[in-house]
Amino acid sequence: MDIGISTFLTDYSVDVAVVARRAEELGFASLWVPEHSILPVNSGTPWPGSADGKIPKVYADIVDPFVALGRASAVTTTLKLGTGICLVPERNPLLLAKEVATIDMYSKGRFQFGIGAGWLREETDIMGGDFAHRWAQTREAILAMKQLWTTVESEYHGKYYDFPPVYSFPGPAQKPHPPVLLGGMAKNVFKRVVEYGDGWMPNRVTPEDVKKGRAKLDELADAAGRDPRSIQIMVFGQQADRDL
């Protein structure tokens, strides 16, 4: 088992370069950075992390994860660097594929692509996503990005994304691409992981939840003719255990 850290980085927090260097020195395996490009001033969507549903101000303050992880990659050599998570429906997949490949290249294959579809309807709407069908949109984006990462003349034709043959370089250092880890506890998350992901990133779950999830992933992978060992689990958002 590897242990990593996840943190909200802002213009008033510790510099990500300091965090990354110290995490590597202490033996942590990975550093994960979340994403919220904007926070709507007026929102009717309750935050799922508290009883009152009030969204913490830090959600409006966090830095761009790819820029932050790029900075972290420059001061580390072994620390894995992940988005925890990247809100895929809010980004253009052609640009996102380039960002992922570039950071993976510069970090020499240390990038972990944690993805999600988001929970804040107003944010998704403002950023151009289709909230009602955000996972269908996410699926198309990932399939399109895989084409961009693994083919020379890449093209994709879908409902949400449609582009003719294009060149997109550099390619990622990891082959065929960095691991795509799906966040969340949605009812279809396991089917999605098996179809187009490389791992599951559940949030604030118990060991029993992980055990049940592992069994379901193995069952679905076997049914799909996929090696269950190709699917990893990365538990996200746990409270720090200072006795470890």
C-alpha atoms as a PDB file:
ATOM      1  CA  MET A   1       0.000   0.000   0.000  1.00  0.00           C
ATOM      2  CA  ASP A   2       1.263   3.464  -0.946  1.00  0.00           C
ATOM      3  CA  ILE A   3       0.244   6.608   0.923  1.00  0.00           C
ATOM      4  CA  GLY A   4      -0.076  10.012  -0.694  1.00  0.00           C
ATOM      5  CA  ILE A   5      -1.334  13.449   0.260  1.00  0.00           C
ATOM      6  CA  SER A   6      -4.056  15.700  -1.133  1.00  0.00           C
ATOM      7  CA  THR A   7      -4.222  19.407  -0.448  1.00  0.00           C
ATOM      8  CA  PHE A   8      -5.963  22.605  -1.484  1.00  0.00           C
ATOM      9  CA  LEU A   9      -3.364  25.049  -2.803  1.00  0.00           C
ATOM     10  CA  THR A  10      -4.059  28.789  -2.930  1.00  0.00           C
ATOM     11  CA  ASP A  11      -2.168  32.072  -3.155  1.00  0.00           C
ATOM     12  CA  TYR A  12      -2.142  32.159   0.665  1.00  0.00           C
ATOM     13  CA  SER A  13      -1.104  28.537   1.279  1.00  0.00           C
ATOM     14  CA  VAL A  14       2.335  26.965   1.321  1.00  0.00           C
ATOM     15  CA  ASP A  15       4.006  26.916  -2.101  1.00  0.00           C
ATOM     16  CA  VAL A  16       3.342  23.639  -3.903  1.00  0.00           C
ATOM     17  CA  ALA A  17       7.086  23.294  -4.545  1.00  0.00           C
ATOM     18  CA  VAL A  18       7.705  23.230  -0.787  1.00  0.00           C
ATOM     19  CA  VAL A  19       4.880  20.736  -0.234  1.00  0.00           C
ATOM     20  CA  ALA A  20       6.074  18.440  -3.017  1.00  0.00           C
ATOM     21  CA  ARG A  21       9.719  18.425  -1.951  1.00  0.00           C
ATOM     22  CA  ARG A  22       8.836  17.719   1.661  1.00  0.00           C
ATOM     23  CA  ALA A  23       6.327  15.003   0.717  1.00  0.00           C
ATOM     24  CA  GLU A  24       8.990  13.223  -1.315  1.00  0.00           C
ATOM     25  CA  GLU A  25      11.567  13.575   1.467  1.00  0.00           C
ATOM     26  CA  LEU A  26       9.136  12.029   3.969  1.00  0.00           C
ATOM     27  CA  GLY A  27       8.441   9.063   1.708  1.00  0.00           C
ATOM     28  CA  PHE A  28       4.949   9.869   0.501  1.00  0.00           C
ATOM     29  CA  ALA A  29       4.180   8.200  -2.815  1.00  0.00           C
ATOM     30  CA  SER A  30       1.988  10.847  -4.408  1.00  0.00           C
ATOM     31  CA  LEU A  31       0.593  14.389  -4.339  1.00  0.00           C
ATOM     32  CA  TRP A  32      -2.958  15.124  -5.478  1.00  0.00           C
ATOM     33  CA  VAL A  33      -4.406  18.525  -6.373  1.00  0.00           C
ATOM     34  CA  PRO A  34      -8.139  19.278  -6.875  1.00  0.00           C
ATOM     35  CA  GLU A  35      -9.835  21.503  -9.426  1.00  0.00           C
ATOM     36  CA  HIS A  36     -12.538  24.147  -9.434  1.00  0.00           C
ATOM     37  CA  SER A  37     -11.921  26.727 -12.132  1.00  0.00           C
ATOM     38  CA  ILE A  38     -14.577  29.064 -10.770  1.00  0.00           C
ATOM     39  CA  LEU A  39     -17.106  29.201  -7.929  1.00  0.00           C
ATOM     40  CA  PRO A  40     -20.472  30.782  -8.753  1.00  0.00           C
ATOM     41  CA  VAL A  41     -21.424  33.667  -6.468  1.00  0.00           C
ATOM     42  CA  ASN A  42     -25.015  32.440  -6.459  1.00  0.00           C
ATOM     43  CA  SER A  43     -25.545  28.697  -6.290  1.00  0.00           C
ATOM     44  CA  GLY A  44     -28.500  26.556  -5.336  1.00  0.00           C
ATOM     45  CA  THR A  45     -26.434  23.369  -5.202  1.00  0.00           C
ATOM     46  CA  PRO A  46     -25.572  22.300  -1.635  1.00  0.00           C
ATOM     47  CA  TRP A  47     -22.030  21.210  -0.881  1.00  0.00           C
ATOM     48  CA  PRO A  48     -22.129  17.480  -0.034  1.00  0.00           C
ATOM     49  CA  GLY A  49     -19.340  17.821   2.527  1.00  0.00           C
ATOM     50  CA  SER A  50     -21.340  19.458   5.325  1.00  0.00           C
ATOM     51  CA  ALA A  51     -24.759  19.417   6.936  1.00  0.00           C
ATOM     52  CA  ASP A  52     -25.537  23.036   6.055  1.00  0.00           C
ATOM     53  CA  GLY A  53     -24.421  22.623   2.439  1.00  0.00           C
ATOM     54  CA  LYS A  54     -22.353  25.805   2.469  1.00  0.00           C
ATOM     55  CA  ILE A  55     -19.483  25.680  -0.014  1.00  0.00           C
ATOM     56  CA  PRO A  56     -16.131  26.560   1.615  1.00  0.00           C
ATOM     57  CA  LYS A  57     -14.459  29.706   0.289  1.00  0.00           C
ATOM     58  CA  VAL A  58     -11.297  27.750  -0.507  1.00  0.00           C
ATOM     59  CA  TYR A  59     -13.145  26.200  -3.443  1.00  0.00           C
ATOM     60  CA  ALA A  60     -12.998  29.616  -5.120  1.00  0.00           C
ATOM     61  CA  ASP A  61      -9.339  30.112  -4.259  1.00  0.00           C
ATOM     62  CA  ILE A  62      -7.577  26.960  -5.425  1.00  0.00           C
ATOM     63  CA  VAL A  63      -4.956  27.134  -8.141  1.00  0.00           C
ATOM     64  CA  ASP A  64      -4.987  25.403 -11.511  1.00  0.00           C
ATOM     65  CA  PRO A  65      -3.947  21.780 -10.892  1.00  0.00           C
ATOM     66  CA  PHE A  66      -1.858  21.327 -14.029  1.00  0.00           C
ATOM     67  CA  VAL A  67       0.232  24.433 -13.466  1.00  0.00           C
ATOM     68  CA  ALA A  68       0.706  23.473  -9.805  1.00  0.00           C
ATOM     69  CA  LEU A  69       1.685  19.893 -10.616  1.00  0.00           C
ATOM     70  CA  GLY A  70       4.048  21.102 -13.311  1.00  0.00           C
ATOM     71  CA  ARG A  71       5.804  23.194 -10.667  1.00  0.00           C
ATOM     72  CA  ALA A  72       5.872  20.196  -8.330  1.00  0.00           C
ATOM     73  CA  SER A  73       7.369  17.981 -11.022  1.00  0.00           C
ATOM     74  CA  ALA A  74      10.331  20.340 -11.413  1.00  0.00           C
ATOM     75  CA  VAL A  75      11.441  19.907  -7.792  1.00  0.00           C
ATOM     76  CA  THR A  76      10.840  16.156  -7.376  1.00  0.00           C
ATOM     77  CA  THR A  77      12.031  12.954  -9.015  1.00  0.00           C
ATOM     78  CA  THR A  78       9.952  10.069  -7.645  1.00  0.00           C
ATOM     79  CA  LEU A  79       6.723  11.600  -6.319  1.00  0.00           C
ATOM     80  CA  LYS A  80       3.676  10.684  -8.394  1.00  0.00           C
ATOM     81  CA  LEU A  81       1.577  13.703  -9.323  1.00  0.00           C
ATOM     82  CA  GLY A  82      -2.177  13.490  -9.717  1.00  0.00           C
ATOM     83  CA  THR A  83      -5.318  15.478 -10.302  1.00  0.00           C
ATOM     84  CA  GLY A  84      -7.720  14.771  -7.515  1.00  0.00           C
ATOM     85  CA  ILE A  85      -9.842  15.359  -9.437  1.00  0.00           C
ATOM     86  CA  CYS A  86      -9.922  17.019 -12.875  1.00  0.00           C
ATOM     87  CA  LEU A  87     -13.431  18.121 -13.882  1.00  0.00           C
ATOM     88  CA  VAL A  88     -13.417  16.747 -17.402  1.00  0.00           C
ATOM     89  CA  PRO A  89     -16.764  18.139 -18.705  1.00  0.00           C
ATOM     90  CA  GLU A  90     -15.478  21.646 -18.003  1.00  0.00           C
ATOM     91  CA  ARG A  91     -12.458  21.285 -20.314  1.00  0.00           C
ATOM     92  CA  ASN A  92     -11.829  20.909 -24.026  1.00  0.00           C
ATOM     93  CA  PRO A  93     -10.427  17.379 -24.542  1.00  0.00           C
ATOM     94  CA  LEU A  94      -7.958  18.431 -27.238  1.00  0.00           C
ATOM     95  CA  LEU A  95      -6.363  20.960 -24.888  1.00  0.00           C
ATOM     96  CA  LEU A  96      -6.674  18.632 -21.909  1.00  0.00           C
ATOM     97  CA  ALA A  97      -4.958  15.787 -23.757  1.00  0.00           C
ATOM     98  CA  LYS A  98      -2.063  18.133 -24.510  1.00  0.00           C
ATOM     99  CA  GLU A  99      -1.797  19.224 -20.862  1.00  0.00           C
ATOM    100  CA  VAL A 100      -1.826  15.648 -19.587  1.00  0.00           C
ATOM    101  CA  ALA A 101       0.760  14.491 -22.112  1.00  0.00           C
ATOM    102  CA  THR A 102       3.029  17.462 -21.447  1.00  0.00           C
ATOM    103  CA  ILE A 103       3.100  17.085 -17.681  1.00  0.00           C
ATOM    104  CA  ASP A 104       3.613  13.335 -18.033  1.00  0.00           C
ATOM    105  CA  MET A 105       6.527  13.961 -20.396  1.00  0.00           C
ATOM    106  CA  TYR A 106       8.213  16.536 -18.155  1.00  0.00           C
ATOM    107  CA  SER A 107       7.690  14.433 -15.016  1.00  0.00           C
ATOM    108  CA  LYS A 108       9.097  11.366 -16.805  1.00  0.00           C
ATOM    109  CA  GLY A 109       5.937   9.325 -16.441  1.00  0.00           C
ATOM    110  CA  ARG A 110       4.751  10.291 -12.967  1.00  0.00           C
ATOM    111  CA  PHE A 111       1.341  11.757 -13.776  1.00  0.00           C
ATOM    112  CA  GLN A 112      -1.881  10.153 -12.496  1.00  0.00           C
ATOM    113  CA  PHE A 113      -5.043  11.364 -14.224  1.00  0.00           C
ATOM    114  CA  GLY A 114      -7.771  11.443 -11.591  1.00  0.00           C
ATOM    115  CA  ILE A 115     -11.044  12.472 -13.211  1.00  0.00           C
ATOM    116  CA  GLY A 116     -14.615  13.262 -12.304  1.00  0.00           C
ATOM    117  CA  ALA A 117     -17.730  14.851 -13.743  1.00  0.00           C
ATOM    118  CA  GLY A 118     -18.447  17.333 -10.961  1.00  0.00           C
ATOM    119  CA  TRP A 119     -21.273  17.932  -8.495  1.00  0.00           C
ATOM    120  CA  LEU A 120     -21.799  21.707  -8.780  1.00  0.00           C
ATOM    121  CA  ARG A 121     -24.387  22.240 -11.501  1.00  0.00           C
ATOM    122  CA  GLU A 122     -23.898  25.992 -11.798  1.00  0.00           C
ATOM    123  CA  GLU A 123     -20.142  25.624 -12.252  1.00  0.00           C
ATOM    124  CA  THR A 124     -20.568  22.980 -14.945  1.00  0.00           C
ATOM    125  CA  ASP A 125     -23.117  25.115 -16.779  1.00  0.00           C
ATOM    126  CA  ILE A 126     -20.916  28.220 -16.719  1.00  0.00           C
ATOM    127  CA  MET A 127     -17.903  26.250 -17.944  1.00  0.00           C
ATOM    128  CA  GLY A 128     -19.838  24.813 -20.886  1.00  0.00           C
ATOM    129  CA  GLY A 129     -20.544  21.287 -19.689  1.00  0.00           C
ATOM    130  CA  ASP A 130     -23.796  19.345 -19.922  1.00  0.00           C
ATOM    131  CA  PHE A 131     -24.548  18.691 -16.258  1.00  0.00           C
ATOM    132  CA  ALA A 132     -27.481  16.346 -16.851  1.00  0.00           C
ATOM    133  CA  HIS A 133     -25.322  14.120 -19.055  1.00  0.00           C
ATOM    134  CA  ARG A 134     -21.906  14.919 -17.617  1.00  0.00           C
ATOM    135  CA  TRP A 135     -20.733  11.319 -17.378  1.00  0.00           C
ATOM    136  CA  ALA A 136     -21.685  10.627 -20.992  1.00  0.00           C
ATOM    137  CA  GLN A 137     -19.725  13.744 -21.907  1.00  0.00           C
ATOM    138  CA  THR A 138     -16.795  12.612 -19.745  1.00  0.00           C
ATOM    139  CA  ARG A 139     -16.761   9.206 -21.415  1.00  0.00           C
ATOM    140  CA  GLU A 140     -16.524  10.784 -24.858  1.00  0.00           C
ATOM    141  CA  ALA A 141     -13.766  13.134 -23.715  1.00  0.00           C
ATOM    142  CA  ILE A 142     -11.655  10.275 -22.355  1.00  0.00           C
ATOM    143  CA  LEU A 143     -12.141   8.168 -25.487  1.00  0.00           C
ATOM    144  CA  ALA A 144     -11.179  11.161 -27.621  1.00  0.00           C
ATOM    145  CA  MET A 145      -8.086  11.811 -25.511  1.00  0.00           C
ATOM    146  CA  LYS A 146      -7.012   8.196 -25.795  1.00  0.00           C
ATOM    147  CA  GLN A 147      -7.079   8.613 -29.562  1.00  0.00           C
ATOM    148  CA  LEU A 148      -4.919  11.723 -29.256  1.00  0.00           C
ATOM    149  CA  TRP A 149      -2.435   9.936 -26.970  1.00  0.00           C
ATOM    150  CA  THR A 150      -2.102   6.712 -28.946  1.00  0.00           C
ATOM    151  CA  THR A 151      -2.413   7.530 -32.647  1.00  0.00           C
ATOM    152  CA  VAL A 152      -0.480   9.769 -35.039  1.00  0.00           C
ATOM    153  CA  GLU A 153      -3.427  11.048 -37.059  1.00  0.00           C
ATOM    154  CA  SER A 154      -6.106  11.240 -34.390  1.00  0.00           C
ATOM    155  CA  GLU A 155      -9.804  11.710 -34.970  1.00  0.00           C
ATOM    156  CA  TYR A 156     -12.978  11.294 -32.965  1.00  0.00           C
ATOM    157  CA  HIS A 157     -16.639  11.508 -33.889  1.00  0.00           C
ATOM    158  CA  GLY A 158     -19.195  11.630 -31.109  1.00  0.00           C
ATOM    159  CA  LYS A 159     -22.172  13.571 -29.798  1.00  0.00           C
ATOM    160  CA  TYR A 160     -20.201  16.012 -27.667  1.00  0.00           C
ATOM    161  CA  TYR A 161     -16.849  16.033 -29.442  1.00  0.00           C
ATOM    162  CA  ASP A 162     -16.216  15.678 -33.143  1.00  0.00           C
ATOM    163  CA  PHE A 163     -12.955  16.454 -34.885  1.00  0.00           C
ATOM    164  CA  PRO A 164     -11.251  15.368 -38.131  1.00  0.00           C
ATOM    165  CA  PRO A 165      -7.742  13.852 -38.253  1.00  0.00           C
ATOM    166  CA  VAL A 166      -5.286  16.004 -36.288  1.00  0.00           C
ATOM    167  CA  TYR A 167      -1.738  15.789 -34.994  1.00  0.00           C
ATOM    168  CA  SER A 168      -1.297  16.177 -31.244  1.00  0.00           C
ATOM    169  CA  PHE A 169       2.185  16.002 -29.748  1.00  0.00           C
ATOM    170  CA  PRO A 170       4.045  15.390 -27.517  1.00  0.00           C
ATOM    171  CA  GLY A 171       2.774  12.002 -26.495  1.00  0.00           C
ATOM    172  CA  PRO A 172       2.761  10.987 -22.830  1.00  0.00           C
ATOM    173  CA  ALA A 173       5.772   9.211 -21.337  1.00  0.00           C
ATOM    174  CA  GLN A 174       3.613   6.382 -19.959  1.00  0.00           C
ATOM    175  CA  LYS A 175       2.359   3.950 -22.553  1.00  0.00           C
ATOM    176  CA  PRO A 176      -0.254   3.812 -23.784  1.00  0.00           C
ATOM    177  CA  HIS A 177      -1.129   6.780 -21.533  1.00  0.00           C
ATOM    178  CA  PRO A 178      -1.189   7.840 -17.856  1.00  0.00           C
ATOM    179  CA  PRO A 179      -3.646   5.886 -15.703  1.00  0.00           C
ATOM    180  CA  VAL A 180      -7.187   7.245 -15.837  1.00  0.00           C
ATOM    181  CA  LEU A 181      -8.704   7.008 -12.352  1.00  0.00           C
ATOM    182  CA  LEU A 182     -12.432   7.613 -11.981  1.00  0.00           C
ATOM    183  CA  GLY A 183     -13.609   9.364  -8.848  1.00  0.00           C
ATOM    184  CA  GLY A 184     -16.923   9.042  -7.101  1.00  0.00           C
ATOM    185  CA  MET A 185     -19.485   6.627  -5.769  1.00  0.00           C
ATOM    186  CA  ALA A 186     -22.100   6.862  -8.538  1.00  0.00           C
ATOM    187  CA  LYS A 187     -24.081   3.697  -9.185  1.00  0.00           C
ATOM    188  CA  ASN A 188     -22.406   3.133 -12.552  1.00  0.00           C
ATOM    189  CA  VAL A 189     -18.857   3.985 -11.513  1.00  0.00           C
ATOM    190  CA  PHE A 190     -17.626   0.385 -11.654  1.00  0.00           C
ATOM    191  CA  LYS A 191     -18.970  -0.149 -15.175  1.00  0.00           C
ATOM    192  CA  ARG A 192     -17.284   3.076 -16.252  1.00  0.00           C
ATOM    193  CA  VAL A 193     -13.967   2.088 -14.706  1.00  0.00           C
ATOM    194  CA  VAL A 194     -13.974  -1.266 -16.469  1.00  0.00           C
ATOM    195  CA  GLU A 195     -14.965   0.264 -19.819  1.00  0.00           C
ATOM    196  CA  TYR A 196     -12.540   3.178 -20.087  1.00  0.00           C
ATOM    197  CA  GLY A 197     -10.634   3.618 -16.822  1.00  0.00           C
ATOM    198  CA  ASP A 198      -7.586   2.220 -15.099  1.00  0.00           C
ATOM    199  CA  GLY A 199      -8.691   2.666 -11.519  1.00  0.00           C
ATOM    200  CA  TRP A 200     -11.294   3.781  -9.010  1.00  0.00           C
ATOM    201  CA  MET A 201     -10.910   6.776  -6.664  1.00  0.00           C
ATOM    202  CA  PRO A 202     -13.615   6.504  -3.993  1.00  0.00           C
ATOM    203  CA  ASN A 203     -13.954   9.361  -1.537  1.00  0.00           C
ATOM    204  CA  ARG A 204     -14.154   8.914   2.253  1.00  0.00           C
ATOM    205  CA  VAL A 205     -14.985   5.217   2.264  1.00  0.00           C
ATOM    206  CA  THR A 206     -14.486   2.422   4.787  1.00  0.00           C
ATOM    207  CA  PRO A 207     -12.294  -0.655   4.311  1.00  0.00           C
ATOM    208  CA  GLU A 208     -15.492  -2.655   3.852  1.00  0.00           C
ATOM    209  CA  ASP A 209     -16.575  -0.317   1.049  1.00  0.00           C
ATOM    210  CA  VAL A 210     -13.227  -0.852  -0.653  1.00  0.00           C
ATOM    211  CA  LYS A 211     -13.514  -4.623  -0.269  1.00  0.00           C
ATOM    212  CA  LYS A 212     -16.979  -4.632  -1.845  1.00  0.00           C
ATOM    213  CA  GLY A 213     -15.821  -2.313  -4.600  1.00  0.00           C
ATOM    214  CA  ARG A 214     -12.850  -4.524  -5.377  1.00  0.00           C
ATOM    215  CA  ALA A 215     -15.113  -7.554  -5.663  1.00  0.00           C
ATOM    216  CA  LYS A 216     -17.490  -5.738  -8.013  1.00  0.00           C
ATOM    217  CA  LEU A 217     -14.644  -4.469 -10.185  1.00  0.00           C
ATOM    218  CA  ASP A 218     -13.179  -7.968 -10.420  1.00  0.00           C
ATOM    219  CA  GLU A 219     -16.568  -9.406 -11.376  1.00  0.00           C
ATOM    220  CA  LEU A 220     -17.192  -6.833 -14.099  1.00  0.00           C
ATOM    221  CA  ALA A 221     -13.639  -7.048 -15.420  1.00  0.00           C
ATOM    222  CA  ASP A 222     -13.878 -10.825 -15.730  1.00  0.00           C
ATOM    223  CA  ALA A 223     -17.189 -10.497 -17.570  1.00  0.00           C
ATOM    224  CA  ALA A 224     -15.638  -7.977 -19.963  1.00  0.00           C
ATOM    225  CA  GLY A 225     -12.579 -10.134 -20.608  1.00  0.00           C
ATOM    226  CA  ARG A 226     -10.294  -7.707 -18.813  1.00  0.00           C
ATOM    227  CA  ASP A 227      -7.576  -8.607 -16.317  1.00  0.00           C
ATOM    228  CA  PRO A 228      -8.835  -7.372 -12.906  1.00  0.00           C
ATOM    229  CA  ARG A 229      -5.228  -6.710 -11.904  1.00  0.00           C
ATOM    230  CA  SER A 230      -5.144  -3.899 -14.468  1.00  0.00           C
ATOM    231  CA  ILE A 231      -7.538  -1.911 -12.277  1.00  0.00           C
ATOM    232  CA  GLN A 232      -6.205  -0.132  -9.193  1.00  0.00           C
ATOM    233  CA  ILE A 233      -7.961   1.506  -6.248  1.00  0.00           C
ATOM    234  CA  MET A 234      -6.860   4.819  -4.767  1.00  0.00           C
ATOM    235  CA  VAL A 235      -8.866   5.879  -1.710  1.00  0.00           C
ATOM    236  CA  PHE A 236      -9.234   9.648  -1.678  1.00  0.00           C
ATOM    237  CA  GLY A 237     -10.199  12.215   0.949  1.00  0.00           C
ATOM    238  CA  GLN A 238      -9.412  10.229   4.084  1.00  0.00           C
ATOM    239  CA  GLN A 239      -8.546  11.943   7.346  1.00  0.00           C
ATOM    240  CA  ALA A 240      -4.864  11.844   8.227  1.00  0.00           C
ATOM    241  CA  ASP A 241      -3.843   9.016  10.557  1.00  0.00           C
ATOM    242  CA  ARG A 242      -1.035  10.463  12.660  1.00  0.00           C
ATOM    243  CA  ASP A 243      -0.246   7.069  14.190  1.00  0.00           C
ATOM    244  CA  LEU A 244       0.912   5.639  10.861  1.00  0.00           C
END
